C-alpha atoms as a PDB file:
ATOM      1  CA  UNK A   1       0.000   0.000   0.000  1.00  0.00           C
ATOM      2  CA  UNK A   2       1.309   3.422  -0.944  1.00  0.00           C
ATOM      3  CA  UNK A   3       1.070   6.200   1.617  1.00  0.00           C
ATOM      4  CA  UNK A   4       1.544   9.809   0.613  1.00  0.00           C
ATOM      5  CA  UNK A   5       1.717  12.943   2.691  1.00  0.00           C
ATOM      6  CA  UNK A   6       1.407  16.224   0.840  1.00  0.00           C
ATOM      7  CA  UNK A   7       2.243  19.219   2.986  1.00  0.00           C
ATOM      8  CA  UNK A   8       1.129  22.821   2.647  1.00  0.00           C
ATOM      9  CA  UNK A   9       4.602  24.107   3.485  1.00  0.00           C
ATOM     10  CA  UNK A  10       3.963  27.692   4.558  1.00  0.00           C
ATOM     11  CA  UNK A  11       0.830  26.699   6.468  1.00  0.00           C
ATOM     12  CA  UNK A  12       2.891  24.236   8.514  1.00  0.00           C
ATOM     13  CA  UNK A  13       5.747  26.726   9.008  1.00  0.00           C
ATOM     14  CA  UNK A  14       3.360  29.395  10.274  1.00  0.00           C
ATOM     15  CA  UNK A  15       1.307  27.066  12.476  1.00  0.00           C
ATOM     16  CA  UNK A  16       4.415  25.488  14.029  1.00  0.00           C
ATOM     17  CA  UNK A  17       5.827  28.953  14.747  1.00  0.00           C
ATOM     18  CA  UNK A  18       9.007  28.305  12.767  1.00  0.00           C
ATOM     19  CA  UNK A  19       9.431  31.942  11.664  1.00  0.00           C
ATOM     20  CA  UNK A  20      11.528  33.737  14.239  1.00  0.00           C
ATOM     21  CA  UNK A  21      11.442  37.075  12.406  1.00  0.00           C
ATOM     22  CA  UNK A  22       9.973  38.221   9.096  1.00  0.00           C
ATOM     23  CA  UNK A  23      12.079  38.459   5.967  1.00  0.00           C
ATOM     24  CA  UNK A  24      13.274  36.426   3.015  1.00  0.00           C
ATOM     25  CA  UNK A  25      16.168  34.831   4.910  1.00  0.00           C
ATOM     26  CA  UNK A  26      13.825  33.711   7.692  1.00  0.00           C
ATOM     27  CA  UNK A  27      11.515  32.033   5.184  1.00  0.00           C
ATOM     28  CA  UNK A  28      14.471  30.241   3.578  1.00  0.00           C
ATOM     29  CA  UNK A  29      15.686  29.016   6.971  1.00  0.00           C
ATOM     30  CA  UNK A  30      12.195  27.878   7.940  1.00  0.00           C
ATOM     31  CA  UNK A  31      11.777  26.023   4.618  1.00  0.00           C
ATOM     32  CA  UNK A  32      15.153  24.324   5.048  1.00  0.00           C
ATOM     33  CA  UNK A  33      14.281  23.366   8.618  1.00  0.00           C
ATOM     34  CA  UNK A  34      10.913  21.894   7.587  1.00  0.00           C
ATOM     35  CA  UNK A  35      12.564  19.959   4.763  1.00  0.00           C
ATOM     36  CA  UNK A  36      15.153  18.577   7.194  1.00  0.00           C
ATOM     37  CA  UNK A  37      12.464  17.553   9.686  1.00  0.00           C
ATOM     38  CA  UNK A  38      10.525  15.808   6.931  1.00  0.00           C
ATOM     39  CA  UNK A  39      13.649  13.968   5.717  1.00  0.00           C
ATOM     40  CA  UNK A  40      13.989  12.428   9.156  1.00  0.00           C
ATOM     41  CA  UNK A  41      10.265  11.695   9.377  1.00  0.00           C
ATOM     42  CA  UNK A  42      10.315  10.058   5.936  1.00  0.00           C
ATOM     43  CA  UNK A  43      13.326   7.980   6.874  1.00  0.00           C
ATOM     44  CA  UNK A  44      11.513   6.452   9.825  1.00  0.00           C
ATOM     45  CA  UNK A  45       7.940   6.201   8.475  1.00  0.00           C
ATOM     46  CA  UNK A  46       8.584   5.405   4.822  1.00  0.00           C
ATOM     47  CA  UNK A  47       5.842   7.799   3.669  1.00  0.00           C
ATOM     48  CA  UNK A  48       6.189   9.372   0.243  1.00  0.00           C
ATOM     49  CA  UNK A  49       6.395  13.051   1.228  1.00  0.00           C
ATOM     50  CA  UNK A  50       5.801  16.106  -0.945  1.00  0.00           C
ATOM     51  CA  UNK A  51       6.091  19.628   0.464  1.00  0.00           C
ATOM     52  CA  UNK A  52       4.443  22.407  -1.537  1.00  0.00           C
ATOM     53  CA  UNK A  53       5.484  26.048  -1.154  1.00  0.00           C
ATOM     54  CA  UNK A  54       3.527  28.907  -2.692  1.00  0.00           C
ATOM     55  CA  UNK A  55       5.235  31.012  -5.279  1.00  0.00           C
ATOM     56  CA  UNK A  56       1.863  32.599  -5.922  1.00  0.00           C
ATOM     57  CA  UNK A  57       3.024  36.201  -5.651  1.00  0.00           C
ATOM     58  CA  UNK A  58       6.322  35.833  -7.472  1.00  0.00           C
ATOM     59  CA  UNK A  59       7.245  36.342 -11.087  1.00  0.00           C
ATOM     60  CA  UNK A  60       8.241  32.716 -11.586  1.00  0.00           C
ATOM     61  CA  UNK A  61       6.476  31.470 -14.689  1.00  0.00           C
ATOM     62  CA  UNK A  62       7.505  27.861 -14.144  1.00  0.00           C
ATOM     63  CA  UNK A  63       6.698  25.462 -11.361  1.00  0.00           C
ATOM     64  CA  UNK A  64       9.794  23.928  -9.818  1.00  0.00           C
ATOM     65  CA  UNK A  65       9.733  20.302  -8.647  1.00  0.00           C
ATOM     66  CA  UNK A  66      12.888  19.146  -6.884  1.00  0.00           C
ATOM     67  CA  UNK A  67      13.814  15.751  -5.564  1.00  0.00           C
ATOM     68  CA  UNK A  68      15.486  16.740  -2.302  1.00  0.00           C
ATOM     69  CA  UNK A  69      16.986  13.546  -0.941  1.00  0.00           C
ATOM     70  CA  UNK A  70      14.092  11.252  -0.156  1.00  0.00           C
ATOM     71  CA  UNK A  71      11.291  13.844  -0.432  1.00  0.00           C
ATOM     72  CA  UNK A  72       9.824  16.007  -3.192  1.00  0.00           C
ATOM     73  CA  UNK A  73       9.725  19.784  -2.840  1.00  0.00           C
ATOM     74  CA  UNK A  74       7.449  21.832  -5.092  1.00  0.00           C
ATOM     75  CA  UNK A  75       7.544  25.600  -5.609  1.00  0.00           C
ATOM     76  CA  UNK A  76       4.394  26.637  -7.429  1.00  0.00           C
ATOM     77  CA  UNK A  77       4.446  29.019 -10.371  1.00  0.00           C
ATOM     78  CA  UNK A  78       3.078  32.546 -10.602  1.00  0.00           C
ATOM     79  CA  UNK A  79      -0.669  32.702  -9.907  1.00  0.00           C
ATOM     80  CA  UNK A  80      -0.726  29.098  -8.636  1.00  0.00           C
ATOM     81  CA  UNK A  81      -1.344  28.590  -4.935  1.00  0.00           C
ATOM     82  CA  UNK A  82      -0.181  25.586  -2.954  1.00  0.00           C
ATOM     83  CA  UNK A  83      -3.866  24.786  -2.406  1.00  0.00           C
ATOM     84  CA  UNK A  84      -4.511  24.444  -6.146  1.00  0.00           C
ATOM     85  CA  UNK A  85      -1.423  22.244  -6.587  1.00  0.00           C
ATOM     86  CA  UNK A  86      -2.439  20.039  -3.644  1.00  0.00           C
ATOM     87  CA  UNK A  87      -5.990  19.615  -4.985  1.00  0.00           C
ATOM     88  CA  UNK A  88      -4.638  18.584  -8.383  1.00  0.00           C
ATOM     89  CA  UNK A  89      -2.097  16.225  -6.787  1.00  0.00           C
ATOM     90  CA  UNK A  90      -4.765  14.477  -4.710  1.00  0.00           C
ATOM     91  CA  UNK A  91      -7.044  14.149  -7.720  1.00  0.00           C
ATOM     92  CA  UNK A  92      -4.298  12.824 -10.028  1.00  0.00           C
ATOM     93  CA  UNK A  93      -2.810  10.332  -7.575  1.00  0.00           C
ATOM     94  CA  UNK A  94      -6.127   8.890  -6.417  1.00  0.00           C
ATOM     95  CA  UNK A  95      -7.359   8.646 -10.002  1.00  0.00           C
ATOM     96  CA  UNK A  96      -4.372   6.568 -11.130  1.00  0.00           C
ATOM     97  CA  UNK A  97      -3.411   4.768  -7.923  1.00  0.00           C
ATOM     98  CA  UNK A  98      -4.441   1.378  -6.580  1.00  0.00           C
ATOM     99  CA  UNK A  99      -7.439   1.334  -4.229  1.00  0.00           C
ATOM    100  CA  UNK A 100      -5.309   0.941  -1.109  1.00  0.00           C
ATOM    101  CA  UNK A 101      -3.383   4.151  -1.743  1.00  0.00           C
ATOM    102  CA  UNK A 102      -3.779   6.705   1.022  1.00  0.00           C
ATOM    103  CA  UNK A 103      -3.013  10.402   0.795  1.00  0.00           C
ATOM    104  CA  UNK A 104      -2.811  12.626   3.823  1.00  0.00           C
ATOM    105  CA  UNK A 105      -3.039  16.352   3.280  1.00  0.00           C
ATOM    106  CA  UNK A 106      -1.224  18.218   6.050  1.00  0.00           C
ATOM    107  CA  UNK A 107      -2.680  21.687   6.530  1.00  0.00           C
ATOM    108  CA  UNK A 108      -4.686  23.677   9.030  1.00  0.00           C
ATOM    109  CA  UNK A 109      -6.472  25.572   6.270  1.00  0.00           C
ATOM    110  CA  UNK A 110     -10.101  24.506   6.824  1.00  0.00           C
ATOM    111  CA  UNK A 111     -11.206  25.180   3.245  1.00  0.00           C
ATOM    112  CA  UNK A 112      -8.278  23.133   1.913  1.00  0.00           C
ATOM    113  CA  UNK A 113      -9.127  20.332   4.375  1.00  0.00           C
ATOM    114  CA  UNK A 114     -12.742  20.281   3.164  1.00  0.00           C
ATOM    115  CA  UNK A 115     -11.811  20.215  -0.525  1.00  0.00           C
ATOM    116  CA  UNK A 116      -9.107  17.556  -0.099  1.00  0.00           C
ATOM    117  CA  UNK A 117     -11.395  15.401   2.032  1.00  0.00           C
ATOM    118  CA  UNK A 118     -14.139  15.622  -0.590  1.00  0.00           C
ATOM    119  CA  UNK A 119     -11.638  14.349  -3.191  1.00  0.00           C
ATOM    120  CA  UNK A 120     -10.846  11.317  -1.006  1.00  0.00           C
ATOM    121  CA  UNK A 121      -7.766  12.439   0.918  1.00  0.00           C
ATOM    122  CA  UNK A 122      -7.255  11.977   4.630  1.00  0.00           C
ATOM    123  CA  UNK A 123      -6.624  15.128   6.629  1.00  0.00           C
ATOM    124  CA  UNK A 124      -3.987  15.822   9.248  1.00  0.00           C
ATOM    125  CA  UNK A 125      -3.804  19.245  10.841  1.00  0.00           C
ATOM    126  CA  UNK A 126      -0.503  21.026  11.274  1.00  0.00           C
ATOM    127  CA  UNK A 127      -0.513  20.320  15.002  1.00  0.00           C
ATOM    128  CA  UNK A 128      -1.412  16.644  14.502  1.00  0.00           C
ATOM    129  CA  UNK A 129       1.509  16.326  12.099  1.00  0.00           C
ATOM    130  CA  UNK A 130       3.797  18.037  14.587  1.00  0.00           C
ATOM    131  CA  UNK A 131       2.687  15.649  17.347  1.00  0.00           C
ATOM    132  CA  UNK A 132       3.314  12.638  15.092  1.00  0.00           C
ATOM    133  CA  UNK A 133       6.732  13.949  14.054  1.00  0.00           C
ATOM    134  CA  UNK A 134       7.644  14.433  17.734  1.00  0.00           C
ATOM    135  CA  UNK A 135       6.318  10.974  18.672  1.00  0.00           C
ATOM    136  CA  UNK A 136       8.207   9.368  15.790  1.00  0.00           C
ATOM    137  CA  UNK A 137      11.411  11.226  16.685  1.00  0.00           C
ATOM    138  CA  UNK A 138      11.139  10.089  20.304  1.00  0.00           C
ATOM    139  CA  UNK A 139      10.480   6.502  19.200  1.00  0.00           C
ATOM    140  CA  UNK A 140      13.458   6.598  16.828  1.00  0.00           C
ATOM    141  CA  UNK A 141      15.729   8.030  19.510  1.00  0.00           C
ATOM    142  CA  UNK A 142      14.595   5.383  22.005  1.00  0.00           C
ATOM    143  CA  UNK A 143      15.065   2.567  19.507  1.00  0.00           C
ATOM    144  CA  UNK A 144      18.579   3.652  18.558  1.00  0.00           C
ATOM    145  CA  UNK A 145      19.626   4.950  21.965  1.00  0.00           C
ATOM    146  CA  UNK A 146      23.214   4.209  22.877  1.00  0.00           C
ATOM    147  CA  UNK A 147      23.557   2.050  25.946  1.00  0.00           C
ATOM    148  CA  UNK A 148      26.453   3.547  27.876  1.00  0.00           C
ATOM    149  CA  UNK A 149      26.986   0.262  29.757  1.00  0.00           C
ATOM    150  CA  UNK A 150      27.702  -1.624  26.546  1.00  0.00           C
ATOM    151  CA  UNK A 151      31.154  -1.375  24.972  1.00  0.00           C
ATOM    152  CA  UNK A 152      31.114   0.892  21.920  1.00  0.00           C
ATOM    153  CA  UNK A 153      34.529   0.073  20.502  1.00  0.00           C
ATOM    154  CA  UNK A 154      35.206  -3.317  18.944  1.00  0.00           C
ATOM    155  CA  UNK A 155      38.358  -3.861  20.983  1.00  0.00           C
ATOM    156  CA  UNK A 156      36.391  -3.430  24.205  1.00  0.00           C
ATOM    157  CA  UNK A 157      34.326  -6.474  23.213  1.00  0.00           C
ATOM    158  CA  UNK A 158      37.223  -8.791  22.342  1.00  0.00           C
ATOM    159  CA  UNK A 159      39.191 -10.975  24.679  1.00  0.00           C
ATOM    160  CA  UNK A 160      42.916 -10.343  25.134  1.00  0.00           C
ATOM    161  CA  UNK A 161      44.028 -13.325  23.025  1.00  0.00           C
ATOM    162  CA  UNK A 162      41.847 -12.204  20.096  1.00  0.00           C
ATOM    163  CA  UNK A 163      43.295  -8.694  20.300  1.00  0.00           C
ATOM    164  CA  UNK A 164      46.831 -10.172  20.314  1.00  0.00           C
ATOM    165  CA  UNK A 165      45.944 -12.299  17.261  1.00  0.00           C
ATOM    166  CA  UNK A 166      44.616  -9.240  15.390  1.00  0.00           C
ATOM    167  CA  UNK A 167      47.755  -7.276  16.267  1.00  0.00           C
ATOM    168  CA  UNK A 168      49.870 -10.166  14.982  1.00  0.00           C
ATOM    169  CA  UNK A 169      47.919 -10.180  11.724  1.00  0.00           C
ATOM    170  CA  UNK A 170      48.343  -6.421  11.351  1.00  0.00           C
ATOM    171  CA  UNK A 171      52.102  -6.491  12.136  1.00  0.00           C
ATOM    172  CA  UNK A 172      52.961  -9.511   9.998  1.00  0.00           C
ATOM    173  CA  UNK A 173      51.725 -10.659   6.695  1.00  0.00           C
ATOM    174  CA  UNK A 174      49.387 -12.785   8.776  1.00  0.00           C
ATOM    175  CA  UNK A 175      49.054 -15.438   6.098  1.00  0.00           C
ATOM    176  CA  UNK A 176      49.352 -18.285   8.587  1.00  0.00           C
ATOM    177  CA  UNK A 177      46.838 -16.730  10.982  1.00  0.00           C
ATOM    178  CA  UNK A 178      44.149 -16.310   8.355  1.00  0.00           C
ATOM    179  CA  UNK A 179      43.848 -20.012   7.588  1.00  0.00           C
END
């Protein structure tokens, strides 16, 4: 079963409070931070993630679609909102996809939620997504937590005679020891 999450990028950034101060540089930093967070989330969940950023009020005549590591990042073209792109995405994927395909639309825009839901998408609010990202991060950290009581270096796990044998191999040609 394919699982997609399509994210209204600026809606998430604003709802999560990721903008520390207004300005172009702040938006770039917030976008990069969201992309980084979603890379980690994708790595643990396996969801196919697309983040859509409005370029609605720019002069860009072309939509930009970038494969950024394991996620897709879309910058809409002039006069195209993220909402319009997301609606089209949901429609196109569900039209061509197997029946068990699920698409979550991540936004707190109520109109966008209503439209996407009517097209067959599942809805996750910005804060629900944030809670799931935090839960997943905590689970990942717990699963891969380093146990300080366990030796971390290979030589701390080997007995003295095995260490001596490895040193002998390293110092000599070691041909006899490898047989």
